[in-house]
C-alpha cells in the first residue's frame, strides 16, 4: 500500500496517506479501498466528477466509500 497523490480543484496536490487508507480499510472491510480511491483519482483526472478542495476531500472520500459499502451489502 502506497500514498496516493491527487490533484485538487485549485491545481495543488493532496496526498492520501497510507494511514488514512488503513483507517478506511478498517471502516469498510467489504471494499477494496485502494481500488476505490484509484477509481476516484481517475474520475477527477478525466473531469468526470469535479475535483475537490483540500478542505472537503476527506469528507467526500469517506462518503463515497460509505455509499459504495452500502451497495456491496
Protein backbone atom coordinates (compact mmCIF):
# COMPACT_ATOMS: atom_id res chain seq x y z
CA UNK A 1 0.00 0.00 0.00
CA UNK A 2 1.38 3.39 -1.03
CA UNK A 3 0.40 7.00 -0.54
CA UNK A 4 -1.83 8.27 -3.35
CA UNK A 5 -1.38 11.79 -4.75
CA UNK A 6 -4.40 13.56 -6.25
CA UNK A 7 -4.82 16.96 -7.91
CA UNK A 8 -7.11 19.43 -6.17
CA UNK A 9 -9.57 21.91 -7.65
CA UNK A 10 -7.03 24.76 -7.30
CA UNK A 11 -4.34 22.76 -9.15
CA UNK A 12 -2.46 21.91 -5.97
CA UNK A 13 -1.91 18.37 -4.81
CA UNK A 14 -3.09 16.36 -1.85
CA UNK A 15 -1.56 13.17 -0.50
CA UNK A 16 -3.85 10.45 0.74
CA UNK A 17 -1.60 8.70 3.25
CA UNK A 18 -1.18 5.01 3.97
CA UNK A 19 -2.57 5.72 7.44
CA UNK A 20 -5.77 7.22 6.02
CA UNK A 21 -6.16 4.28 3.65
CA UNK A 22 -5.59 1.81 6.51
CA UNK A 23 -8.28 3.54 8.56
CA UNK A 24 -10.78 3.37 5.69
CA UNK A 25 -9.93 -0.31 5.18
CA UNK A 26 -10.80 -0.82 8.85
CA UNK A 27 -14.09 1.09 8.45
CA UNK A 28 -15.10 -0.57 5.17
CA UNK A 29 -13.75 -4.14 5.26
CA UNK A 30 -16.03 -5.30 2.44
CA UNK A 31 -14.46 -2.83 -0.05
CA UNK A 32 -11.16 -2.73 -1.85
CA UNK A 33 -10.43 0.79 -0.61
CA UNK A 34 -7.26 1.26 -2.68
CA UNK A 35 -9.15 0.39 -5.86
CA UNK A 36 -11.97 2.79 -4.95
CA UNK A 37 -9.54 5.65 -4.31
CA UNK A 38 -7.67 4.90 -7.54
CA UNK A 39 -11.03 4.95 -9.35
CA UNK A 40 -11.88 8.32 -7.76
CA UNK A 41 -8.48 9.67 -8.81
CA UNK A 42 -9.23 8.62 -12.40
CA UNK A 43 -12.67 10.28 -12.26
CA UNK A 44 -11.07 13.51 -11.04
CA UNK A 45 -8.30 13.32 -13.65
CA UNK A 46 -10.73 12.86 -16.55
CA UNK A 47 -13.12 15.52 -15.25
CA UNK A 48 -15.96 13.01 -14.88
CA UNK A 49 -16.59 14.45 -11.43
CA UNK A 50 -15.31 17.82 -10.17
CA UNK A 51 -12.03 17.91 -8.28
CA UNK A 52 -12.28 18.60 -4.59
CA UNK A 53 -10.67 21.15 -2.27
CA UNK A 54 -8.20 20.25 0.45
CA UNK A 55 -10.88 21.19 2.97
CA UNK A 56 -13.50 18.70 1.75
CA UNK A 57 -11.62 15.88 0.03
CA UNK A 58 -11.56 13.53 3.05
CA UNK A 59 -15.26 14.07 3.71
CA UNK A 60 -16.01 13.31 0.05
CA UNK A 61 -13.89 10.14 0.02
CA UNK A 62 -15.46 8.89 3.26
CA UNK A 63 -18.96 9.50 1.89
CA UNK A 64 -18.05 7.78 -1.40
CA UNK A 65 -16.70 4.73 0.44
CA UNK A 66 -19.74 4.63 2.70
CA UNK A 67 -22.08 4.66 -0.30
CA UNK A 68 -20.05 2.00 -2.11
CA UNK A 69 -20.04 -0.13 1.03
CA UNK A 70 -23.84 0.02 1.24
CA UNK A 71 -24.09 -1.06 -2.41
CA UNK A 72 -21.83 -4.07 -1.72
CA UNK A 73 -24.06 -5.47 1.04
